[in-house]
Structure formats: structure tokens, C-alpha cells
Amino acid sequence: MLDNSLAPLLDRIRAIPDETAVNAFVKSLCDVFDVTQSAYFLMQPDGHTRVYGTFPQEWIEGFFANGLDRHDPIVLACFNRYLPIDWQDLDWSSRQAQMIYQFALEHGLGPNGYTVPIRGPRGQYAALSLCAGGSAADWREKWEGEMSNLMTICQFLNARILEIDPTLCSEPRKALSPREVDAMSFLARGMSRAQIAVKLDISEHTLRAYIESARRKLDATNTTHAVAKAIAHGFILV
């Protein structure tokens, strides 16, 4: 739990010299906020994600290798929100969401969690997640008084990481066409490709062409990366 002043913690962030120290700082947030696990997810311009902190490597590899990021309610919520997300406010009822939830529990993540979506300049995107066990009611009460502290820490940490490695910010890309904006917007809202095709009154083949065109313009390696960059660039609103 933080004391009344953020200054010492922000000074620590400003003094971080390299990536190794970033990892150590993210791990230290477990003690700062009295949680069991902490992780900072940073999407790179090439579409790959760097992960700092304590989340198990086995979970990280399985999560991305199996494409769970495309269906995770937490990831989808981050596309739609700027304020921190309490995991218990999300819909975990679908089969895919239940599989993701159980996979997390098997690796010691949860059941309570809190994620802060972070958007930086020129499409840079990140998120910080903290999780622990215990009472869901106690967890919710805990974060009512910590939201502003955590958001401040995230912004300072993100800025410091970009100072350490400026290549994490990609250059602006071409504007999307109206149809590409529609496709990206509906994907960001969690709609399936079949639902979007019906909504736009086009075939799924044509929809795939719009999505692929948007992905190339955004210099994204996959659909999740493209949606994140479209939001960060301000091309779509969700």
C-alpha cells in the first residue's frame, strides 16, 4: 500500500537505467500494492509483446502462442476503456473466456485482478496488471482508493520505458478508409467476423480484405495489434 506521497516512487521510476531495472521495478509493485503477481505488457511496433514482472513464463508463452489474447475479456476491455479495469466487472461466461480464466488460475494468476490500459504517442500501447487471491469485496474496496496512484505510476513508468527505448514508438501511418474504420471499430467491440459481415452487409471474404488492408496501413503483424494501433492513433473510437 502506498503512503500519502508518490514522490519517492516516481523518483525511483525516473532513475530506472535499463530494461533489467524495469523488470525489477514491476516486480516490486507486488510489495508496493500488496498483491501476489504483477506484469507490464508492452506491445512493440512489430506486434510482439514484451512482458515485465512476475507472471510465469509458461503462462506468457501459452497465452500468446495459443492466440488467447484475441479472446481475453481483459484485452478486449482494454481496447474500449481508458480507466483501470477490475476483472470481476468483465463477462467470463463464454467458453473461450472460461478457458482463459482457468488457464490463468492454473498458473497462480487471480482470481482477483486489476488492469490499467496505457496509450502512448504514435500508437504505442501497454497495460499493467496486478492480481491476488482473497475476498472479491475486499479487492474492490482496496482499489477504490488506489486508482489515481496506480494510473500516475503507469504513466510515469511508460514514459521512462520510452526514454530508455524510443524505437517502441512507431511512425504515424496512412489514414484508414471508412470501411476499414468500420471493420476495426466492430472488431474492437468484440464482434466476430461473421457478425461484422452481416452488420456491414458484405461477404466475409470482402471483410477480410478490409481488415488485411488496415493491418498493412497500420504496419501491424496481426488483427489484435492492428486494433490496438487503430485506437491509439485515433483512427477509431470505441
C-alpha atoms as a PDB file:
ATOM      1  CA  MET A   1       0.000   0.000   0.000  1.00  0.00           C
ATOM      2  CA  LEU A   2       1.296   3.426  -0.904  1.00  0.00           C
ATOM      3  CA  ASP A   3       1.862   6.163   1.614  1.00  0.00           C
ATOM      4  CA  ASN A   4       0.416   9.638   1.069  1.00  0.00           C
ATOM      5  CA  SER A   5       3.228  10.771  -1.198  1.00  0.00           C
ATOM      6  CA  LEU A   6       4.018   9.354  -4.626  1.00  0.00           C
ATOM      7  CA  ALA A   7       7.218  11.374  -4.917  1.00  0.00           C
ATOM      8  CA  PRO A   8       9.702   8.674  -3.737  1.00  0.00           C
ATOM      9  CA  LEU A   9       8.174   6.083  -6.067  1.00  0.00           C
ATOM     10  CA  LEU A  10       8.165   8.447  -9.048  1.00  0.00           C
ATOM     11  CA  ASP A  11      11.791   9.309  -8.299  1.00  0.00           C
ATOM     12  CA  ARG A  12      12.578   5.588  -8.495  1.00  0.00           C
ATOM     13  CA  ILE A  13      10.923   5.423 -11.902  1.00  0.00           C
ATOM     14  CA  ARG A  14      12.889   8.407 -13.209  1.00  0.00           C
ATOM     15  CA  ALA A  15      16.112   6.712 -12.105  1.00  0.00           C
ATOM     16  CA  ILE A  16      15.453   3.408 -13.913  1.00  0.00           C
ATOM     17  CA  PRO A  17      18.523   2.912 -16.152  1.00  0.00           C
ATOM     18  CA  ASP A  18      17.640  -0.068 -18.359  1.00  0.00           C
ATOM     19  CA  GLU A  19      15.236  -2.930 -19.117  1.00  0.00           C
ATOM     20  CA  THR A  20      16.585  -5.119 -16.342  1.00  0.00           C
ATOM     21  CA  ALA A  21      15.737  -2.385 -13.853  1.00  0.00           C
ATOM     22  CA  VAL A  22      12.279  -2.000 -15.460  1.00  0.00           C
ATOM     23  CA  ASN A  23      11.635  -5.671 -14.762  1.00  0.00           C
ATOM     24  CA  ALA A  24      12.804  -5.301 -11.152  1.00  0.00           C
ATOM     25  CA  PHE A  25      10.577  -2.257 -10.629  1.00  0.00           C
ATOM     26  CA  VAL A  26       7.473  -4.009 -11.996  1.00  0.00           C
ATOM     27  CA  LYS A  27       8.185  -6.958  -9.688  1.00  0.00           C
ATOM     28  CA  SER A  28       8.493  -4.552  -6.750  1.00  0.00           C
ATOM     29  CA  LEU A  29       4.915  -3.379  -7.334  1.00  0.00           C
ATOM     30  CA  CYS A  30       3.790  -6.616  -5.675  1.00  0.00           C
ATOM     31  CA  ASP A  31       5.133  -5.247  -2.383  1.00  0.00           C
ATOM     32  CA  VAL A  32       4.000  -1.687  -3.062  1.00  0.00           C
ATOM     33  CA  PHE A  33       0.379  -2.722  -3.597  1.00  0.00           C
ATOM     34  CA  ASP A  34       0.382  -5.947  -1.542  1.00  0.00           C
ATOM     35  CA  VAL A  35      -0.509  -8.271  -4.444  1.00  0.00           C
ATOM     36  CA  THR A  36       0.859 -11.666  -5.474  1.00  0.00           C
ATOM     37  CA  GLN A  37       1.590 -11.026  -9.174  1.00  0.00           C
ATOM     38  CA  SER A  38       2.416  -8.005 -11.339  1.00  0.00           C
ATOM     39  CA  ALA A  39       3.046  -7.679 -15.070  1.00  0.00           C
ATOM     40  CA  TYR A  40       3.630  -4.853 -17.522  1.00  0.00           C
ATOM     41  CA  PHE A  41       2.665  -5.722 -21.111  1.00  0.00           C
ATOM     42  CA  LEU A  42       4.197  -3.551 -23.809  1.00  0.00           C
ATOM     43  CA  MET A  43       3.209  -4.001 -27.456  1.00  0.00           C
ATOM     44  CA  GLN A  44       6.132  -3.349 -29.783  1.00  0.00           C
ATOM     45  CA  PRO A  45       5.833  -1.836 -33.284  1.00  0.00           C
ATOM     46  CA  ASP A  46       6.461  -5.313 -34.767  1.00  0.00           C
ATOM     47  CA  GLY A  47       3.380  -6.676 -32.994  1.00  0.00           C
ATOM     48  CA  HIS A  48       5.218  -8.754 -30.405  1.00  0.00           C
ATOM     49  CA  THR A  49       4.636  -8.103 -26.731  1.00  0.00           C
ATOM     50  CA  ARG A  50       7.288  -7.558 -24.069  1.00  0.00           C
ATOM     51  CA  VAL A  51       6.292  -8.679 -20.603  1.00  0.00           C
ATOM     52  CA  TYR A  52       7.989  -7.422 -17.453  1.00  0.00           C
ATOM     53  CA  GLY A  53       7.248  -8.608 -13.918  1.00  0.00           C
ATOM     54  CA  THR A  54       6.297 -11.801 -12.142  1.00  0.00           C
ATOM     55  CA  PHE A  55       3.784 -13.551 -14.441  1.00  0.00           C
ATOM     56  CA  PRO A  56       5.084 -17.121 -15.081  1.00  0.00           C
ATOM     57  CA  GLN A  57       6.959 -17.627 -18.356  1.00  0.00           C
ATOM     58  CA  GLU A  58       4.911 -20.753 -19.049  1.00  0.00           C
ATOM     59  CA  TRP A  59       1.716 -18.687 -18.911  1.00  0.00           C
ATOM     60  CA  ILE A  60       3.189 -15.938 -21.124  1.00  0.00           C
ATOM     61  CA  GLU A  61       4.280 -18.411 -23.795  1.00  0.00           C
ATOM     62  CA  GLY A  62       0.987 -20.316 -23.746  1.00  0.00           C
ATOM     63  CA  PHE A  63      -1.133 -17.158 -23.753  1.00  0.00           C
ATOM     64  CA  PHE A  64       0.389 -15.682 -26.905  1.00  0.00           C
ATOM     65  CA  ALA A  65       1.298 -18.894 -28.732  1.00  0.00           C
ATOM     66  CA  ASN A  66      -2.308 -20.115 -28.490  1.00  0.00           C
ATOM     67  CA  GLY A  67      -3.795 -16.767 -29.523  1.00  0.00           C
ATOM     68  CA  LEU A  68      -5.630 -16.302 -26.235  1.00  0.00           C
ATOM     69  CA  ASP A  69      -5.013 -12.547 -26.459  1.00  0.00           C
ATOM     70  CA  ARG A  70      -7.588 -12.401 -29.289  1.00  0.00           C
ATOM     71  CA  HIS A  71     -10.360 -13.610 -26.969  1.00  0.00           C
ATOM     72  CA  ASP A  72      -9.312 -12.492 -23.487  1.00  0.00           C
ATOM     73  CA  PRO A  73     -12.033 -10.282 -21.934  1.00  0.00           C
ATOM     74  CA  ILE A  74      -9.287  -8.200 -20.291  1.00  0.00           C
ATOM     75  CA  VAL A  75      -7.565  -7.452 -23.612  1.00  0.00           C
ATOM     76  CA  LEU A  76     -10.886  -6.652 -25.287  1.00  0.00           C
ATOM     77  CA  ALA A  77     -11.845  -4.364 -22.400  1.00  0.00           C
ATOM     78  CA  CYS A  78      -8.538  -2.501 -22.719  1.00  0.00           C
ATOM     79  CA  PHE A  79      -9.442  -1.671 -26.331  1.00  0.00           C
ATOM     80  CA  ASN A  80     -12.627   0.009 -25.132  1.00  0.00           C
ATOM     81  CA  ARG A  81     -11.546   1.830 -21.972  1.00  0.00           C
ATOM     82  CA  TYR A  82      -9.035   4.290 -20.604  1.00  0.00           C
ATOM     83  CA  LEU A  83      -9.682   3.789 -16.888  1.00  0.00           C
ATOM     84  CA  PRO A  84      -8.445   0.738 -14.914  1.00  0.00           C
ATOM     85  CA  ILE A  85     -10.440  -2.466 -15.230  1.00  0.00           C
ATOM     86  CA  ASP A  86     -11.467  -4.690 -12.333  1.00  0.00           C
ATOM     87  CA  TRP A  87     -11.552  -8.253 -13.662  1.00  0.00           C
ATOM     88  CA  GLN A  88     -14.703  -9.066 -11.718  1.00  0.00           C
ATOM     89  CA  ASP A  89     -16.613  -6.491 -13.821  1.00  0.00           C
ATOM     90  CA  LEU A  90     -15.965  -8.438 -17.048  1.00  0.00           C
ATOM     91  CA  ASP A  91     -18.066 -11.121 -18.729  1.00  0.00           C
ATOM     92  CA  TRP A  92     -16.355 -14.501 -18.293  1.00  0.00           C
ATOM     93  CA  SER A  93     -19.342 -16.600 -19.354  1.00  0.00           C
ATOM     94  CA  SER A  94     -18.217 -17.676 -22.833  1.00  0.00           C
ATOM     95  CA  ARG A  95     -16.409 -20.977 -23.365  1.00  0.00           C
ATOM     96  CA  GLN A  96     -13.228 -19.231 -24.543  1.00  0.00           C
ATOM     97  CA  ALA A  97     -13.270 -16.795 -21.628  1.00  0.00           C
ATOM     98  CA  GLN A  98     -13.711 -19.651 -19.154  1.00  0.00           C
ATOM     99  CA  MET A  99     -10.749 -21.482 -20.723  1.00  0.00           C
ATOM    100  CA  ILE A 100      -8.585 -18.336 -20.413  1.00  0.00           C
ATOM    101  CA  TYR A 101      -9.701 -17.831 -16.809  1.00  0.00           C
ATOM    102  CA  GLN A 102      -8.882 -21.407 -15.835  1.00  0.00           C
ATOM    103  CA  PHE A 103      -5.522 -21.209 -17.610  1.00  0.00           C
ATOM    104  CA  ALA A 104      -4.697 -18.130 -15.513  1.00  0.00           C
ATOM    105  CA  LEU A 105      -5.745 -19.792 -12.243  1.00  0.00           C
ATOM    106  CA  GLU A 106      -3.604 -22.844 -13.047  1.00  0.00           C
ATOM    107  CA  HIS A 107      -0.577 -20.519 -13.174  1.00  0.00           C
ATOM    108  CA  GLY A 108      -1.335 -18.642  -9.971  1.00  0.00           C
ATOM    109  CA  LEU A 109      -2.948 -15.591 -11.586  1.00  0.00           C
ATOM    110  CA  GLY A 110      -6.103 -14.297  -9.963  1.00  0.00           C
ATOM    111  CA  PRO A 111      -8.822 -14.790  -9.155  1.00  0.00           C
ATOM    112  CA  ASN A 112      -8.872 -11.047  -8.393  1.00  0.00           C
ATOM    113  CA  GLY A 113      -7.178  -8.713 -10.861  1.00  0.00           C
ATOM    114  CA  TYR A 114      -6.858  -5.101 -11.887  1.00  0.00           C
ATOM    115  CA  THR A 115      -5.538  -3.881 -15.267  1.00  0.00           C
ATOM    116  CA  VAL A 116      -4.620  -0.367 -16.383  1.00  0.00           C
ATOM    117  CA  PRO A 117      -4.679   0.280 -20.162  1.00  0.00           C
ATOM    118  CA  ILE A 118      -1.935   2.717 -21.254  1.00  0.00           C
ATOM    119  CA  ARG A 119      -1.685   4.639 -24.534  1.00  0.00           C
ATOM    120  CA  GLY A 120       1.448   6.487 -25.522  1.00  0.00           C
ATOM    121  CA  PRO A 121       2.457   8.619 -28.521  1.00  0.00           C
ATOM    122  CA  ARG A 122       2.182   7.453 -32.148  1.00  0.00           C
ATOM    123  CA  GLY A 123       0.348   4.231 -31.496  1.00  0.00           C
ATOM    124  CA  GLN A 124       2.391   2.955 -28.563  1.00  0.00           C
ATOM    125  CA  TYR A 125       0.283   0.695 -26.334  1.00  0.00           C
ATOM    126  CA  ALA A 126       0.794  -1.011 -22.969  1.00  0.00           C
ATOM    127  CA  ALA A 127      -1.052  -2.337 -19.929  1.00  0.00           C
ATOM    128  CA  LEU A 128      -0.236  -3.094 -16.303  1.00  0.00           C
ATOM    129  CA  SER A 129      -1.938  -5.968 -14.487  1.00  0.00           C
ATOM    130  CA  LEU A 130      -1.919  -6.757 -10.771  1.00  0.00           C
ATOM    131  CA  CYS A 131      -3.638  -9.765  -9.242  1.00  0.00           C
ATOM    132  CA  ALA A 132      -4.102 -11.664  -5.988  1.00  0.00           C
ATOM    133  CA  GLY A 133      -6.357 -14.039  -4.091  1.00  0.00           C
ATOM    134  CA  GLY A 134      -8.655 -13.166  -1.216  1.00  0.00           C
ATOM    135  CA  SER A 135     -12.121 -11.680  -0.965  1.00  0.00           C
ATOM    136  CA  ALA A 136     -13.588 -10.061  -4.085  1.00  0.00           C
ATOM    137  CA  ALA A 137     -15.278  -7.434  -1.912  1.00  0.00           C
ATOM    138  CA  ASP A 138     -12.026  -6.548  -0.151  1.00  0.00           C
ATOM    139  CA  TRP A 139     -10.269  -6.372  -3.519  1.00  0.00           C
ATOM    140  CA  ARG A 140     -12.790  -3.893  -4.926  1.00  0.00           C
ATOM    141  CA  GLU A 141     -12.599  -1.716  -1.825  1.00  0.00           C
ATOM    142  CA  LYS A 142      -8.794  -1.735  -1.979  1.00  0.00           C
ATOM    143  CA  TRP A 143      -8.678  -0.180  -5.455  1.00  0.00           C
ATOM    144  CA  GLU A 144     -11.270   2.494  -4.806  1.00  0.00           C
ATOM    145  CA  GLY A 145      -8.555   4.432  -3.002  1.00  0.00           C
ATOM    146  CA  GLU A 146      -5.620   3.438  -5.217  1.00  0.00           C
ATOM    147  CA  MET A 147      -6.823   4.119  -8.770  1.00  0.00           C
ATOM    148  CA  SER A 148      -5.276   7.582  -9.169  1.00  0.00           C
ATOM    149  CA  ASN A 149      -1.955   6.454  -7.636  1.00  0.00           C
ATOM    150  CA  LEU A 150      -1.740   3.475  -9.963  1.00  0.00           C
ATOM    151  CA  MET A 151      -2.608   5.489 -13.073  1.00  0.00           C
ATOM    152  CA  THR A 152       0.080   8.048 -12.224  1.00  0.00           C
ATOM    153  CA  ILE A 153       2.662   5.306 -11.720  1.00  0.00           C
ATOM    154  CA  CYS A 154       1.732   3.727 -15.066  1.00  0.00           C
ATOM    155  CA  GLN A 155       2.099   6.976 -16.996  1.00  0.00           C
ATOM    156  CA  PHE A 156       5.484   7.750 -15.457  1.00  0.00           C
ATOM    157  CA  LEU A 157       6.705   4.187 -15.976  1.00  0.00           C
ATOM    158  CA  ASN A 158       5.556   4.142 -19.594  1.00  0.00           C
ATOM    159  CA  ALA A 159       7.281   7.468 -20.284  1.00  0.00           C
ATOM    160  CA  ARG A 160      10.512   6.183 -18.751  1.00  0.00           C
ATOM    161  CA  ILE A 161      10.419   2.986 -20.818  1.00  0.00           C
ATOM    162  CA  LEU A 162      10.033   5.054 -23.998  1.00  0.00           C
ATOM    163  CA  GLU A 163      13.005   7.183 -22.948  1.00  0.00           C
ATOM    164  CA  ILE A 164      15.076   4.023 -22.497  1.00  0.00           C
ATOM    165  CA  ASP A 165      13.963   2.625 -25.882  1.00  0.00           C
ATOM    166  CA  PRO A 166      12.493   5.269 -28.254  1.00  0.00           C
ATOM    167  CA  THR A 167      12.085   2.646 -31.014  1.00  0.00           C
ATOM    168  CA  LEU A 168       8.958   1.421 -29.211  1.00  0.00           C
ATOM    169  CA  CYS A 169       7.025   4.302 -30.823  1.00  0.00           C
ATOM    170  CA  SER A 170       6.188   3.658 -34.454  1.00  0.00           C
ATOM    171  CA  GLU A 171       5.721   6.384 -37.056  1.00  0.00           C
ATOM    172  CA  PRO A 172       2.209   7.545 -37.996  1.00  0.00           C
ATOM    173  CA  ARG A 173       0.558   5.513 -40.741  1.00  0.00           C
ATOM    174  CA  LYS A 174      -1.851   6.259 -43.590  1.00  0.00           C
ATOM    175  CA  ALA A 175      -5.410   7.074 -42.613  1.00  0.00           C
ATOM    176  CA  LEU A 176      -7.902   4.230 -42.820  1.00  0.00           C
ATOM    177  CA  SER A 177     -10.764   4.199 -45.321  1.00  0.00           C
ATOM    178  CA  PRO A 178     -14.350   4.433 -43.990  1.00  0.00           C
ATOM    179  CA  ARG A 179     -14.875   0.679 -44.475  1.00  0.00           C
ATOM    180  CA  GLU A 180     -11.574  -0.125 -42.759  1.00  0.00           C
ATOM    181  CA  VAL A 181     -12.602   2.102 -39.852  1.00  0.00           C
ATOM    182  CA  ASP A 182     -15.928   0.249 -39.612  1.00  0.00           C
ATOM    183  CA  ALA A 183     -14.200  -3.139 -39.626  1.00  0.00           C
ATOM    184  CA  MET A 184     -11.638  -2.143 -36.982  1.00  0.00           C
ATOM    185  CA  SER A 185     -14.295  -0.472 -34.816  1.00  0.00           C
ATOM    186  CA  PHE A 186     -16.518  -3.553 -34.704  1.00  0.00           C
ATOM    187  CA  LEU A 187     -13.532  -5.826 -34.037  1.00  0.00           C
ATOM    188  CA  ALA A 188     -12.575  -3.570 -31.130  1.00  0.00           C
ATOM    189  CA  ARG A 189     -16.066  -4.048 -29.691  1.00  0.00           C
ATOM    190  CA  GLY A 190     -15.584  -7.810 -29.628  1.00  0.00           C
ATOM    191  CA  MET A 191     -17.810  -8.719 -32.590  1.00  0.00           C
ATOM    192  CA  SER A 192     -16.985 -11.807 -34.643  1.00  0.00           C
ATOM    193  CA  ARG A 193     -16.130 -11.531 -38.327  1.00  0.00           C
ATOM    194  CA  ALA A 194     -19.441 -13.188 -39.229  1.00  0.00           C
ATOM    195  CA  GLN A 195     -21.356 -10.615 -37.171  1.00  0.00           C
ATOM    196  CA  ILE A 196     -19.414  -7.735 -38.712  1.00  0.00           C
ATOM    197  CA  ALA A 197     -20.034  -9.002 -42.255  1.00  0.00           C
ATOM    198  CA  VAL A 198     -23.773  -9.067 -41.582  1.00  0.00           C
ATOM    199  CA  LYS A 199     -23.646  -5.622 -39.949  1.00  0.00           C
ATOM    200  CA  LEU A 200     -21.822  -4.107 -42.940  1.00  0.00           C
ATOM    201  CA  ASP A 201     -23.825  -6.144 -45.479  1.00  0.00           C
ATOM    202  CA  ILE A 202     -20.705  -7.561 -47.116  1.00  0.00           C
ATOM    203  CA  SER A 203     -19.205 -11.027 -47.518  1.00  0.00           C
ATOM    204  CA  GLU A 204     -16.651 -12.347 -45.024  1.00  0.00           C
ATOM    205  CA  HIS A 205     -14.174 -12.508 -47.927  1.00  0.00           C
ATOM    206  CA  THR A 206     -14.596  -8.761 -48.526  1.00  0.00           C
ATOM    207  CA  LEU A 207     -14.343  -8.099 -44.794  1.00  0.00           C
ATOM    208  CA  ARG A 208     -11.055  -9.998 -44.641  1.00  0.00           C
ATOM    209  CA  ALA A 209      -9.738  -7.753 -47.418  1.00  0.00           C
ATOM    210  CA  TYR A 210     -10.627  -4.612 -45.425  1.00  0.00           C
ATOM    211  CA  ILE A 211      -9.022  -5.992 -42.262  1.00  0.00           C
ATOM    212  CA  GLU A 212      -5.862  -7.011 -44.115  1.00  0.00           C
ATOM    213  CA  SER A 213      -5.634  -3.602 -45.808  1.00  0.00           C
ATOM    214  CA  ALA A 214      -5.991  -1.841 -42.441  1.00  0.00           C
ATOM    215  CA  ARG A 215      -3.370  -4.135 -40.920  1.00  0.00           C
ATOM    216  CA  ARG A 216      -0.865  -3.236 -43.653  1.00  0.00           C
ATOM    217  CA  LYS A 217      -1.531   0.503 -43.327  1.00  0.00           C
ATOM    218  CA  LEU A 218      -1.007   0.277 -39.584  1.00  0.00           C
ATOM    219  CA  ASP A 219       2.117  -1.846 -40.006  1.00  0.00           C
ATOM    220  CA  ALA A 220       0.612  -4.414 -37.647  1.00  0.00           C
ATOM    221  CA  THR A 221       1.514  -8.102 -37.588  1.00  0.00           C
ATOM    222  CA  ASN A 222      -1.918  -9.404 -36.576  1.00  0.00           C
ATOM    223  CA  THR A 223      -5.504  -8.290 -36.046  1.00  0.00           C
ATOM    224  CA  THR A 224      -5.124  -7.647 -32.316  1.00  0.00           C
ATOM    225  CA  HIS A 225      -2.102  -5.460 -32.985  1.00  0.00           C
ATOM    226  CA  ALA A 226      -3.989  -3.605 -35.747  1.00  0.00           C
ATOM    227  CA  VAL A 227      -6.967  -2.849 -33.496  1.00  0.00           C
ATOM    228  CA  ALA A 228      -4.700  -1.593 -30.714  1.00  0.00           C
ATOM    229  CA  LYS A 229      -2.813   0.687 -33.099  1.00  0.00           C
ATOM    230  CA  ALA A 230      -6.017   1.966 -34.743  1.00  0.00           C
ATOM    231  CA  ILE A 231      -7.313   3.014 -31.324  1.00  0.00           C
ATOM    232  CA  ALA A 232      -4.008   4.530 -30.230  1.00  0.00           C
ATOM    233  CA  HIS A 233      -3.676   6.520 -33.463  1.00  0.00           C
ATOM    234  CA  GLY A 234      -7.201   7.869 -33.011  1.00  0.00           C
ATOM    235  CA  PHE A 235      -8.433   6.246 -36.231  1.00  0.00           C
ATOM    236  CA  ILE A 236     -11.328   4.594 -34.394  1.00  0.00           C
ATOM    237  CA  LEU A 237     -13.389   5.361 -31.307  1.00  0.00           C
ATOM    238  CA  VAL A 238     -14.928   2.616 -29.176  1.00  0.00           C
END
